Amino acid sequence: MSFDLDDAHWFKSTRSGAGKDCVEVAFLFGGRVGVRDSKNPAGPALVFDGASWDAFTQGVDSGAFACALADR
């Protein structure tokens, strides 16, 4: 499935600081959420349905991915 992201309003988290190595997020039509690499804004973007994005952000908030990051 293809999405037109030309008019998307991309933003970085307020927690990302001054660094340029961040992801950007855009809330899209139909409750979808776009995610892209801030270093490559013309590159590919991932698009999630709202329920999947909510599950992911709840997992981040609850620390569900902490072990995966600690093992790196």
N, C-alpha and C. Protein backbone atom coordinates (compact mmCIF):
# COMPACT_ATOMS: atom_id res chain seq x y z
N MET A 1 0.85 -1.17 0.00
CA MET A 1 0.00 0.00 0.00
C MET A 1 0.89 1.24 0.00
N SER A 2 0.50 2.24 -0.74
CA SER A 2 1.29 3.46 -0.88
C SER A 2 0.53 4.63 -0.25
N PHE A 3 1.27 5.54 0.37
CA PHE A 3 0.67 6.71 1.01
C PHE A 3 1.34 7.97 0.49
N ASP A 4 0.57 9.01 0.27
CA ASP A 4 1.11 10.30 -0.13
C ASP A 4 1.46 11.07 1.14
N LEU A 5 2.75 11.27 1.36
CA LEU A 5 3.22 11.93 2.59
C LEU A 5 3.71 13.35 2.33
N ASP A 6 3.44 13.88 1.13
CA ASP A 6 3.94 15.22 0.76
C ASP A 6 3.43 16.31 1.69
N ASP A 7 2.20 16.21 2.15
CA ASP A 7 1.62 17.25 3.00
C ASP A 7 1.67 16.91 4.49
N ALA A 8 2.37 15.85 4.84
CA ALA A 8 2.45 15.45 6.25
C ALA A 8 3.22 16.48 7.06
N HIS A 9 2.80 16.71 8.28
CA HIS A 9 3.49 17.62 9.20
C HIS A 9 4.35 16.77 10.12
N TRP A 10 5.65 16.72 9.85
CA TRP A 10 6.59 15.89 10.61
C TRP A 10 7.12 16.65 11.81
N PHE A 11 7.33 15.96 12.91
CA PHE A 11 7.89 16.59 14.10
C PHE A 11 8.75 15.59 14.86
N LYS A 12 9.66 16.12 15.67
CA LYS A 12 10.51 15.31 16.54
C LYS A 12 9.97 15.42 17.96
N SER A 13 10.27 14.45 18.76
CA SER A 13 9.89 14.48 20.16
C SER A 13 10.58 15.64 20.86
N THR A 14 9.91 16.22 21.83
CA THR A 14 10.54 17.28 22.62
C THR A 14 11.68 16.72 23.46
N ARG A 15 11.74 15.41 23.62
CA ARG A 15 12.80 14.76 24.38
C ARG A 15 14.03 14.45 23.53
N SER A 16 14.00 14.76 22.26
CA SER A 16 15.10 14.38 21.37
C SER A 16 16.31 15.30 21.50
N GLY A 17 16.17 16.44 22.14
CA GLY A 17 17.30 17.33 22.33
C GLY A 17 17.72 18.00 21.04
N ALA A 18 18.95 18.49 21.01
CA ALA A 18 19.45 19.25 19.86
C ALA A 18 20.07 18.36 18.79
N GLY A 19 20.23 17.09 19.06
CA GLY A 19 20.86 16.19 18.10
C GLY A 19 20.04 16.02 16.84
N LYS A 20 20.72 15.63 15.78
CA LYS A 20 20.03 15.44 14.51
C LYS A 20 19.70 13.98 14.23
N ASP A 21 20.14 13.07 15.08
CA ASP A 21 19.90 11.64 14.88
C ASP A 21 18.62 11.23 15.58
N CYS A 22 17.50 11.55 14.96
CA CYS A 22 16.20 11.30 15.59
C CYS A 22 15.25 10.69 14.57
N VAL A 23 14.15 10.22 15.07
CA VAL A 23 13.05 9.86 14.20
C VAL A 23 12.05 11.00 14.22
N GLU A 24 11.31 11.13 13.15
CA GLU A 24 10.24 12.11 13.07
C GLU A 24 8.93 11.35 12.89
N VAL A 25 7.87 11.94 13.42
CA VAL A 25 6.55 11.31 13.40
C VAL A 25 5.57 12.29 12.76
N ALA A 26 4.61 11.75 12.04
CA ALA A 26 3.52 12.55 11.47
C ALA A 26 2.21 11.81 11.70
N PHE A 27 1.22 12.53 12.19
CA PHE A 27 -0.12 11.95 12.34
C PHE A 27 -0.83 12.15 11.01
N LEU A 28 -1.28 11.06 10.41
CA LEU A 28 -1.81 11.06 9.05
C LEU A 28 -3.31 10.84 9.03
N PHE A 29 -3.88 11.02 7.86
CA PHE A 29 -5.30 10.79 7.63
C PHE A 29 -5.70 9.37 8.01
N GLY A 30 -6.86 9.21 8.55
CA GLY A 30 -7.38 7.89 8.88
C GLY A 30 -6.78 7.28 10.12
N GLY A 31 -6.15 8.09 10.98
CA GLY A 31 -5.58 7.58 12.22
C GLY A 31 -4.24 6.90 12.08
N ARG A 32 -3.66 6.96 10.90
CA ARG A 32 -2.35 6.34 10.69
C ARG A 32 -1.25 7.26 11.21
N VAL A 33 -0.07 6.66 11.43
CA VAL A 33 1.09 7.40 11.93
C VAL A 33 2.28 7.06 11.06
N GLY A 34 2.96 8.10 10.56
CA GLY A 34 4.17 7.92 9.78
C GLY A 34 5.40 8.12 10.64
N VAL A 35 6.46 7.36 10.34
CA VAL A 35 7.72 7.47 11.07
C VAL A 35 8.84 7.46 10.04
N ARG A 36 9.79 8.41 10.18
CA ARG A 36 10.91 8.47 9.25
C ARG A 36 12.18 8.89 9.98
N ASP A 37 13.31 8.70 9.32
CA ASP A 37 14.62 9.07 9.83
C ASP A 37 14.83 10.56 9.56
N SER A 38 15.13 11.34 10.59
CA SER A 38 15.30 12.78 10.42
C SER A 38 16.51 13.12 9.55
N LYS A 39 17.48 12.23 9.47
CA LYS A 39 18.66 12.49 8.64
C LYS A 39 18.38 12.27 7.16
N ASN A 40 17.27 11.62 6.85
CA ASN A 40 16.93 11.30 5.46
C ASN A 40 15.44 11.56 5.21
N PRO A 41 15.02 12.82 5.29
CA PRO A 41 13.59 13.11 5.18
C PRO A 41 12.99 12.75 3.82
N ALA A 42 13.80 12.66 2.78
CA ALA A 42 13.29 12.28 1.47
C ALA A 42 13.27 10.76 1.29
N GLY A 43 13.80 10.04 2.26
CA GLY A 43 13.87 8.59 2.18
C GLY A 43 12.57 7.93 2.56
N PRO A 44 12.61 6.64 2.77
CA PRO A 44 11.38 5.90 3.06
C PRO A 44 10.82 6.22 4.45
N ALA A 45 9.55 5.98 4.60
CA ALA A 45 8.87 6.15 5.89
C ALA A 45 8.06 4.90 6.17
N LEU A 46 7.92 4.59 7.42
CA LEU A 46 7.03 3.51 7.85
C LEU A 46 5.68 4.12 8.19
N VAL A 47 4.61 3.42 7.89
CA VAL A 47 3.27 3.90 8.22
C VAL A 47 2.57 2.81 9.02
N PHE A 48 2.09 3.18 10.19
CA PHE A 48 1.42 2.26 11.10
C PHE A 48 -0.05 2.65 11.24
N ASP A 49 -0.90 1.66 11.48
CA ASP A 49 -2.27 2.01 11.85
C ASP A 49 -2.24 2.49 13.30
N GLY A 50 -3.27 3.20 13.70
CA GLY A 50 -3.30 3.80 15.03
C GLY A 50 -3.16 2.80 16.17
N ALA A 51 -3.79 1.64 16.06
CA ALA A 51 -3.73 0.64 17.13
C ALA A 51 -2.31 0.10 17.29
N SER A 52 -1.62 -0.13 16.19
CA SER A 52 -0.24 -0.63 16.26
C SER A 52 0.68 0.42 16.87
N TRP A 53 0.50 1.68 16.49
CA TRP A 53 1.32 2.76 17.05
C TRP A 53 1.06 2.89 18.55
N ASP A 54 -0.19 2.83 18.95
CA ASP A 54 -0.52 2.91 20.38
C ASP A 54 0.12 1.76 21.15
N ALA A 55 0.08 0.55 20.61
CA ALA A 55 0.69 -0.60 21.28
C ALA A 55 2.20 -0.41 21.41
N PHE A 56 2.83 0.09 20.35
CA PHE A 56 4.27 0.34 20.40
C PHE A 56 4.62 1.39 21.46
N THR A 57 3.94 2.54 21.44
CA THR A 57 4.28 3.59 22.41
C THR A 57 3.97 3.16 23.84
N GLN A 58 2.93 2.36 24.04
CA GLN A 58 2.67 1.83 25.39
C GLN A 58 3.77 0.89 25.82
N GLY A 59 4.30 0.09 24.89
CA GLY A 59 5.42 -0.79 25.20
C GLY A 59 6.66 -0.01 25.58
N VAL A 60 6.92 1.09 24.87
CA VAL A 60 8.07 1.94 25.21
C VAL A 60 7.87 2.52 26.60
N ASP A 61 6.69 3.06 26.87
CA ASP A 61 6.41 3.67 28.18
C ASP A 61 6.54 2.67 29.32
N SER A 62 6.18 1.41 29.08
CA SER A 62 6.20 0.41 30.15
C SER A 62 7.57 -0.25 30.31
N GLY A 63 8.51 0.07 29.41
CA GLY A 63 9.84 -0.52 29.51
C GLY A 63 9.96 -1.89 28.85
N ALA A 64 9.00 -2.25 28.02
CA ALA A 64 9.00 -3.57 27.39
C ALA A 64 10.22 -3.82 26.51
N PHE A 65 10.86 -2.76 26.03
CA PHE A 65 11.98 -2.91 25.12
C PHE A 65 13.33 -2.67 25.81
N ALA A 66 13.32 -2.46 27.11
CA ALA A 66 14.55 -2.13 27.84
C ALA A 66 15.58 -3.26 27.75
N CYS A 67 15.14 -4.49 27.85
CA CYS A 67 16.07 -5.63 27.77
C CYS A 67 16.73 -5.71 26.39
N ALA A 68 15.96 -5.46 25.36
CA ALA A 68 16.52 -5.51 24.01
C ALA A 68 17.61 -4.48 23.82
N LEU A 69 17.43 -3.30 24.39
CA LEU A 69 18.43 -2.25 24.27
C LEU A 69 19.64 -2.53 25.15
N ALA A 70 19.43 -3.12 26.32
CA ALA A 70 20.53 -3.41 27.23
C ALA A 70 21.45 -4.48 26.68
N ASP A 71 20.94 -5.37 25.83
CA ASP A 71 21.73 -6.46 25.29
C ASP A 71 22.59 -6.03 24.11
N ARG A 72 22.47 -4.81 23.66
CA ARG A 72 23.22 -4.34 22.49
C ARG A 72 24.65 -4.10 22.79
